[in-house]
Structures are given as structure tokens and as C-alpha cells.
N, C-alpha and C. Protein backbone atom coordinates (compact mmCIF):
# COMPACT_ATOMS: atom_id res chain seq x y z
N UNK A 1 2.85 71.27 43.97
CA UNK A 1 1.24 71.41 44.80
C UNK A 1 0.80 72.25 45.45
N UNK A 2 -0.50 72.39 44.61
CA UNK A 2 -0.93 73.46 44.45
C UNK A 2 -2.04 74.24 45.99
N UNK A 3 -1.85 75.07 46.36
CA UNK A 3 -2.03 75.62 47.54
C UNK A 3 -3.09 76.25 47.53
N UNK A 4 -4.27 76.05 46.93
CA UNK A 4 -5.86 76.63 46.84
C UNK A 4 -6.51 76.22 47.91
N UNK A 5 -6.20 74.66 47.84
CA UNK A 5 -7.13 73.76 49.11
C UNK A 5 -6.46 73.69 50.24
N UNK A 6 -5.51 74.28 51.02
CA UNK A 6 -4.96 74.01 52.02
C UNK A 6 -5.50 74.68 53.68
N UNK A 7 -5.90 74.01 54.65
CA UNK A 7 -6.65 74.74 55.20
C UNK A 7 -6.04 74.22 56.84
N UNK A 8 -5.71 74.77 57.79
CA UNK A 8 -4.90 74.79 58.76
C UNK A 8 -6.05 74.07 60.07
N UNK A 9 -5.02 72.66 60.42
CA UNK A 9 -5.76 71.60 61.42
C UNK A 9 -4.95 72.08 62.78
N UNK A 10 -5.63 72.28 64.11
CA UNK A 10 -4.95 72.15 65.02
C UNK A 10 -4.82 70.66 65.61
N UNK A 11 -3.71 70.71 66.38
CA UNK A 11 -3.73 69.44 67.22
C UNK A 11 -3.23 69.45 68.46
N UNK A 12 -3.68 69.26 69.06
CA UNK A 12 -3.56 69.56 70.72
C UNK A 12 -2.12 68.51 71.64
N UNK A 13 -1.87 67.79 70.86
CA UNK A 13 -0.86 66.83 71.39
C UNK A 13 -0.16 66.37 69.85
N UNK A 14 1.02 65.90 69.91
CA UNK A 14 1.96 65.16 68.89
C UNK A 14 2.78 63.90 69.19
N UNK A 15 3.15 63.23 68.64
CA UNK A 15 2.15 62.51 67.31
C UNK A 15 0.61 62.67 67.34
N UNK A 16 0.38 62.28 65.99
CA UNK A 16 -1.05 61.82 65.98
C UNK A 16 -1.00 61.01 64.27
N UNK A 17 -1.72 59.92 64.66
CA UNK A 17 -1.77 58.84 63.68
C UNK A 17 -2.30 59.36 62.50
N UNK A 18 -1.76 59.29 61.60
CA UNK A 18 -2.50 59.83 60.10
C UNK A 18 -3.52 59.49 59.59
N UNK A 19 -4.08 58.19 60.56
CA UNK A 19 -5.36 57.81 59.80
C UNK A 19 -7.05 58.60 60.89
N UNK A 20 -5.98 58.94 62.27
CA UNK A 20 -6.75 59.85 62.80
C UNK A 20 -7.07 60.73 62.24
N UNK A 21 -6.24 62.00 61.41
CA UNK A 21 -6.40 62.94 61.39
C UNK A 21 -7.55 63.18 60.38
N UNK A 22 -7.53 62.07 59.65
CA UNK A 22 -8.50 62.07 57.99
C UNK A 22 -9.89 61.43 58.66
N UNK A 23 -9.94 60.47 59.60
CA UNK A 23 -11.21 60.56 60.34
C UNK A 23 -12.06 61.88 60.91
N UNK A 24 -11.03 62.53 61.94
CA UNK A 24 -11.55 63.63 62.76
C UNK A 24 -11.58 64.92 61.74
N UNK A 25 -10.75 64.95 60.71
CA UNK A 25 -11.41 65.89 59.68
C UNK A 25 -12.32 65.81 58.64
N UNK A 26 -13.45 64.81 59.04
CA UNK A 26 -14.18 63.74 58.04
C UNK A 26 -14.03 63.96 56.44
N UNK A 27 -12.49 63.64 56.13
CA UNK A 27 -12.39 62.96 55.30
C UNK A 27 -12.34 61.54 54.67
N UNK A 28 -12.96 61.13 55.83
CA UNK A 28 -13.52 59.67 55.66
C UNK A 28 -14.48 59.60 56.69
N UNK A 29 -14.93 58.71 56.39
CA UNK A 29 -16.42 58.29 57.25
C UNK A 29 -16.24 57.46 58.76
N UNK A 30 -15.04 56.68 58.54
CA UNK A 30 -14.82 56.03 59.77
C UNK A 30 -13.02 56.01 60.02
N UNK A 31 -12.73 55.38 61.08
CA UNK A 31 -11.05 54.84 60.92
C UNK A 31 -10.77 54.21 59.61
N UNK A 32 -11.65 52.84 59.76
CA UNK A 32 -11.37 51.79 58.85
C UNK A 32 -11.25 52.54 57.46
N UNK A 33 -12.10 53.30 57.17
CA UNK A 33 -11.94 53.99 55.68
C UNK A 33 -11.26 54.43 55.40
N UNK A 34 -10.75 55.44 56.73
CA UNK A 34 -9.32 56.20 56.50
C UNK A 34 -7.96 55.22 56.82
N UNK A 35 -8.16 54.46 56.96
CA UNK A 35 -6.77 53.24 56.75
C UNK A 35 -7.11 52.80 55.41
N UNK A 36 -8.15 52.62 54.83
CA UNK A 36 -8.22 52.11 53.61
C UNK A 36 -7.49 52.92 52.73
N UNK A 37 -8.11 54.11 52.70
CA UNK A 37 -7.56 55.15 52.00
C UNK A 37 -5.85 55.69 52.24
N UNK A 38 -5.38 54.88 53.04
CA UNK A 38 -3.72 55.38 53.36
C UNK A 38 -3.47 54.12 52.73
N UNK A 39 -3.82 52.93 52.72
CA UNK A 39 -3.06 51.83 52.82
C UNK A 39 -2.92 51.38 50.61
N UNK A 40 -4.20 52.18 50.29
CA UNK A 40 -4.27 51.92 48.97
C UNK A 40 -3.38 53.24 48.22
N UNK A 41 -2.85 54.04 49.08
CA UNK A 41 -1.92 55.32 48.23
C UNK A 41 -2.85 56.06 47.69
N UNK A 42 -3.60 56.98 48.79
CA UNK A 42 -3.98 57.73 48.24
C UNK A 42 -4.03 59.09 49.13
N UNK A 43 -3.08 59.04 49.94
CA UNK A 43 -3.13 59.97 50.66
C UNK A 43 -1.34 60.38 50.70
N UNK A 44 -1.05 61.65 50.76
CA UNK A 44 0.46 62.08 50.71
C UNK A 44 0.77 63.08 51.77
N UNK A 45 2.01 63.00 52.59
CA UNK A 45 2.50 63.48 53.94
C UNK A 45 3.63 64.31 53.06
N UNK A 46 3.56 65.41 53.42
CA UNK A 46 4.74 66.51 52.89
C UNK A 46 5.00 66.21 51.64
N UNK A 47 4.29 66.14 49.95
CA UNK A 47 4.26 65.69 49.07
C UNK A 47 4.72 64.31 48.70
N UNK A 48 4.74 63.23 49.59
CA UNK A 48 4.93 61.97 49.29
C UNK A 48 4.07 60.75 49.38
N UNK A 49 4.16 59.82 49.09
CA UNK A 49 2.62 58.83 49.00
C UNK A 49 3.08 58.31 50.27
N UNK A 50 2.02 58.12 50.99
CA UNK A 50 2.10 57.84 52.38
C UNK A 50 1.23 56.12 52.71
N UNK A 51 1.68 55.30 52.65
CA UNK A 51 1.03 53.95 52.98
C UNK A 51 1.29 53.39 54.70
N UNK A 52 2.01 54.28 55.36
CA UNK A 52 1.56 53.54 56.26
C UNK A 52 0.94 54.60 57.55
N UNK A 53 -0.64 53.65 57.77
CA UNK A 53 -1.77 54.64 58.42
C UNK A 53 -1.33 54.87 59.86
N UNK A 54 -0.21 54.35 60.37
CA UNK A 54 -0.11 54.48 61.32
C UNK A 54 0.95 55.65 62.08
N UNK A 55 1.51 56.28 60.67
CA UNK A 55 2.58 57.08 60.32
C UNK A 55 2.37 58.44 61.57
N UNK A 56 3.02 58.71 62.24
CA UNK A 56 3.36 59.80 62.86
C UNK A 56 3.25 61.29 62.38
N UNK A 57 2.07 62.05 62.86
CA UNK A 57 2.05 63.25 62.03
C UNK A 57 2.81 64.10 63.37
N UNK A 58 3.29 65.32 62.86
CA UNK A 58 3.99 66.39 63.51
C UNK A 58 3.33 67.75 62.97
N UNK A 59 3.18 68.60 63.63
CA UNK A 59 3.28 70.07 63.66
C UNK A 59 3.94 70.55 62.10
N UNK A 60 3.59 71.27 61.33
CA UNK A 60 4.25 71.28 60.03
C UNK A 60 4.14 70.51 59.02
N UNK A 61 3.57 69.22 59.36
CA UNK A 61 3.12 68.36 58.30
C UNK A 61 1.77 68.58 57.60
N UNK A 62 2.13 68.13 55.96
CA UNK A 62 1.11 68.92 55.25
C UNK A 62 0.63 67.20 54.70
N UNK A 63 -0.67 67.03 54.74
CA UNK A 63 -1.14 66.13 54.24
C UNK A 63 -2.20 66.38 53.17
N UNK A 64 -2.10 65.16 52.40
CA UNK A 64 -3.10 65.56 50.99
C UNK A 64 -3.89 64.53 50.76
N UNK A 65 -4.87 65.00 50.49
CA UNK A 65 -6.06 63.95 50.15
C UNK A 65 -6.70 64.38 48.99
N UNK A 66 -7.31 63.72 48.26
CA UNK A 66 -8.43 63.86 47.26
C UNK A 66 -8.64 65.57 46.71
N UNK A 67 -7.57 66.12 46.47
CA UNK A 67 -7.15 67.32 46.24
C UNK A 67 -7.24 68.55 47.05
N UNK A 68 -7.48 67.66 48.58
CA UNK A 68 -7.34 68.89 49.66
C UNK A 68 -6.18 68.84 50.59
N UNK A 69 -5.72 69.91 51.26
CA UNK A 69 -4.38 70.16 52.08
C UNK A 69 -4.68 70.32 53.24
N UNK A 70 -4.07 69.42 54.48
CA UNK A 70 -4.37 70.19 56.01
C UNK A 70 -3.35 70.40 56.51
N UNK A 71 -2.97 71.46 56.94
CA UNK A 71 -1.38 72.04 57.26
C UNK A 71 -1.60 71.27 59.00
N UNK A 72 -0.66 71.09 59.27
CA UNK A 72 -0.81 70.47 60.71
C UNK A 72 -0.21 71.68 61.73
N UNK A 73 -1.09 72.27 62.69
CA UNK A 73 -0.18 73.41 63.76
C UNK A 73 -0.57 72.66 64.91
N UNK A 74 0.22 73.34 66.00
CA UNK A 74 -0.40 73.13 67.22
C UNK A 74 -0.77 74.48 68.09
């Protein structure tokens, strides 16, 4: 994993569903679009392709999408 494009994302509660993070961080225009990105295998969580759009994300997880990486923190 290349570390050039990692940014921290603060969450106020755990867990958060994967698609919601993509939507709230403006990586997807809508929740529906975010769900499609996940279902199509375009998103990774901790370096592995994740196809469960409602996968629970916790502090310490790293989400990858389109060359960007989000490190989740509380």
C-alpha cells in the first residue's frame, strides 16, 4: 500500500458502515453510488477487497478507493 495519499478521518461512534464513510468523505456522490463501488469490488479495507457495503468499520481500519486511503480514527 502506497502511503502518499493517506488522510485521517475522525469518527464519533463505532462502528460505521463502509458505504457511509465513502459518502461522507465525498468519494461517492450518494449512498447508492457508494454501495455500487463497494459491490463492484472497487474498495479495500485493510488491504483486502471488500464487497460488503454494510461492513462495519472501526478505528484503525484503512479504507482504499481510487488511489486514496482513509485511516479511521476516533
